[in-house]
Amino acid sequence: MNTLKLVWMTFVQLVRQVCQLPQEIVKAVNRRQQKTVIDKREAERIDRICNPLKYRGK
């Protein structure tokens, strides 16, 4: 009986994970987009520090 229960619980977990997969993919894509934006901002900040004359009028 315990083996059957274990198999059933494993199956339920698998179904839950399959249902959550699209949400996890969307979250990963959003995280990657945010990281890209942050990296661009950081690159500009470092460039401003290294080359202040280039950004003098802004």
N, C-alpha and C. Protein backbone atom coordinates (compact mmCIF):
# COMPACT_ATOMS: atom_id res chain seq x y z
N MET A 1 0.82 -1.20 0.00
CA MET A 1 0.00 0.00 0.00
C MET A 1 0.86 1.26 0.00
N ASN A 2 1.93 1.25 0.79
CA ASN A 2 2.80 2.42 0.83
C ASN A 2 3.46 2.67 -0.52
N THR A 3 3.80 1.61 -1.22
CA THR A 3 4.44 1.76 -2.53
C THR A 3 3.47 2.41 -3.51
N LEU A 4 2.22 1.99 -3.46
CA LEU A 4 1.21 2.58 -4.33
C LEU A 4 1.01 4.05 -4.02
N LYS A 5 0.99 4.38 -2.75
CA LYS A 5 0.85 5.78 -2.34
C LYS A 5 2.04 6.61 -2.81
N LEU A 6 3.23 6.06 -2.69
CA LEU A 6 4.43 6.75 -3.14
C LEU A 6 4.41 6.99 -4.64
N VAL A 7 3.98 6.00 -5.40
CA VAL A 7 3.87 6.15 -6.85
C VAL A 7 2.85 7.23 -7.18
N TRP A 8 1.72 7.22 -6.49
CA TRP A 8 0.67 8.21 -6.74
C TRP A 8 1.17 9.63 -6.43
N MET A 9 1.84 9.81 -5.31
CA MET A 9 2.35 11.13 -4.93
C MET A 9 3.40 11.61 -5.93
N THR A 10 4.22 10.72 -6.40
CA THR A 10 5.22 11.07 -7.41
C THR A 10 4.54 11.52 -8.70
N PHE A 11 3.50 10.82 -9.09
CA PHE A 11 2.75 11.19 -10.29
C PHE A 11 2.10 12.56 -10.13
N VAL A 12 1.53 12.82 -8.96
CA VAL A 12 0.90 14.12 -8.70
C VAL A 12 1.93 15.24 -8.78
N GLN A 13 3.11 15.03 -8.20
CA GLN A 13 4.16 16.04 -8.27
C GLN A 13 4.60 16.29 -9.70
N LEU A 14 4.68 15.23 -10.48
CA LEU A 14 5.06 15.38 -11.88
C LEU A 14 4.03 16.21 -12.64
N VAL A 15 2.76 15.95 -12.41
CA VAL A 15 1.69 16.72 -13.08
C VAL A 15 1.76 18.18 -12.66
N ARG A 16 2.00 18.45 -11.39
CA ARG A 16 2.12 19.84 -10.92
C ARG A 16 3.28 20.55 -11.59
N GLN A 17 4.40 19.89 -11.69
CA GLN A 17 5.57 20.50 -12.31
C GLN A 17 5.33 20.76 -13.79
N VAL A 18 4.66 19.86 -14.46
CA VAL A 18 4.36 20.05 -15.88
C VAL A 18 3.42 21.24 -16.05
N CYS A 19 2.46 21.40 -15.15
CA CYS A 19 1.53 22.53 -15.23
C CYS A 19 2.23 23.86 -14.94
N GLN A 20 3.23 23.84 -14.11
CA GLN A 20 3.94 25.07 -13.74
C GLN A 20 5.06 25.42 -14.71
N LEU A 21 5.38 24.54 -15.63
CA LEU A 21 6.49 24.77 -16.55
C LEU A 21 6.33 26.05 -17.38
N PRO A 22 5.17 26.33 -17.98
CA PRO A 22 5.05 27.59 -18.75
C PRO A 22 5.29 28.84 -17.89
N GLN A 23 4.80 28.82 -16.65
CA GLN A 23 5.02 29.96 -15.76
C GLN A 23 6.51 30.13 -15.45
N GLU A 24 7.19 29.03 -15.23
CA GLU A 24 8.63 29.10 -14.93
C GLU A 24 9.41 29.62 -16.13
N ILE A 25 8.99 29.25 -17.32
CA ILE A 25 9.66 29.74 -18.53
C ILE A 25 9.48 31.25 -18.65
N VAL A 26 8.27 31.73 -18.40
CA VAL A 26 8.00 33.18 -18.46
C VAL A 26 8.84 33.91 -17.42
N LYS A 27 8.91 33.37 -16.22
CA LYS A 27 9.73 33.99 -15.17
C LYS A 27 11.20 34.06 -15.58
N ALA A 28 11.71 32.99 -16.17
CA ALA A 28 13.11 32.97 -16.59
C ALA A 28 13.37 33.99 -17.69
N VAL A 29 12.47 34.11 -18.62
CA VAL A 29 12.63 35.10 -19.70
C VAL A 29 12.61 36.51 -19.12
N ASN A 30 11.70 36.78 -18.20
CA ASN A 30 11.63 38.10 -17.58
C ASN A 30 12.89 38.42 -16.80
N ARG A 31 13.40 37.43 -16.06
CA ARG A 31 14.64 37.65 -15.32
C ARG A 31 15.80 37.98 -16.25
N ARG A 32 15.85 37.28 -17.37
CA ARG A 32 16.93 37.51 -18.33
C ARG A 32 16.82 38.90 -18.95
N GLN A 33 15.60 39.34 -19.28
CA GLN A 33 15.41 40.68 -19.83
C GLN A 33 15.81 41.74 -18.81
N GLN A 34 15.43 41.55 -17.56
CA GLN A 34 15.80 42.51 -16.52
C GLN A 34 17.31 42.56 -16.34
N LYS A 35 17.95 41.41 -16.40
CA LYS A 35 19.40 41.37 -16.25
C LYS A 35 20.08 42.10 -17.41
N THR A 36 19.53 41.97 -18.61
CA THR A 36 20.08 42.67 -19.77
C THR A 36 19.98 44.18 -19.58
N VAL A 37 18.83 44.64 -19.10
CA VAL A 37 18.64 46.08 -18.86
C VAL A 37 19.61 46.57 -17.80
N ILE A 38 19.74 45.83 -16.73
CA ILE A 38 20.65 46.22 -15.65
C ILE A 38 22.09 46.24 -16.15
N ASP A 39 22.48 45.25 -16.94
CA ASP A 39 23.84 45.22 -17.49
C ASP A 39 24.11 46.42 -18.38
N LYS A 40 23.13 46.83 -19.19
CA LYS A 40 23.31 48.00 -20.05
C LYS A 40 23.48 49.26 -19.21
N ARG A 41 22.65 49.40 -18.17
CA ARG A 41 22.77 50.57 -17.29
C ARG A 41 24.13 50.59 -16.61
N GLU A 42 24.57 49.44 -16.15
CA GLU A 42 25.87 49.35 -15.48
C GLU A 42 27.01 49.69 -16.43
N ALA A 43 26.90 49.23 -17.67
CA ALA A 43 27.94 49.54 -18.67
C ALA A 43 27.99 51.04 -18.93
N GLU A 44 26.82 51.68 -19.02
CA GLU A 44 26.81 53.13 -19.24
C GLU A 44 27.38 53.86 -18.02
N ARG A 45 27.04 53.40 -16.83
CA ARG A 45 27.56 54.03 -15.61
C ARG A 45 29.09 53.95 -15.57
N ILE A 46 29.62 52.80 -15.89
CA ILE A 46 31.07 52.63 -15.88
C ILE A 46 31.71 53.49 -16.97
N ASP A 47 31.04 53.57 -18.13
CA ASP A 47 31.56 54.41 -19.21
C ASP A 47 31.55 55.88 -18.79
N ARG A 48 30.51 56.30 -18.07
CA ARG A 48 30.47 57.69 -17.59
C ARG A 48 31.61 57.98 -16.61
N ILE A 49 31.92 56.99 -15.79
CA ILE A 49 33.01 57.17 -14.83
C ILE A 49 34.35 57.25 -15.55
N CYS A 50 34.54 56.39 -16.54
CA CYS A 50 35.82 56.33 -17.25
C CYS A 50 35.99 57.48 -18.24
N ASN A 51 34.90 57.95 -18.84
CA ASN A 51 34.97 58.99 -19.87
C ASN A 51 33.99 60.11 -19.56
N PRO A 52 34.27 60.92 -18.53
CA PRO A 52 33.30 61.96 -18.14
C PRO A 52 33.14 63.05 -19.20
N LEU A 53 34.15 63.30 -20.02
CA LEU A 53 34.04 64.34 -21.03
C LEU A 53 33.03 63.98 -22.12
N LYS A 54 32.84 62.72 -22.34
CA LYS A 54 31.90 62.25 -23.35
C LYS A 54 30.45 62.58 -22.95
N TYR A 55 30.18 62.73 -21.68
CA TYR A 55 28.83 62.92 -21.18
C TYR A 55 28.65 64.31 -20.56
N ARG A 56 29.45 65.24 -20.95
CA ARG A 56 29.47 66.53 -20.28
C ARG A 56 28.13 67.26 -20.38
N GLY A 57 27.39 67.28 -21.39
CA GLY A 57 26.17 68.08 -21.49
C GLY A 57 24.92 67.40 -20.99
N LYS A 58 25.00 66.17 -20.57
CA LYS A 58 23.79 65.43 -20.20
C LYS A 58 23.46 65.57 -18.74
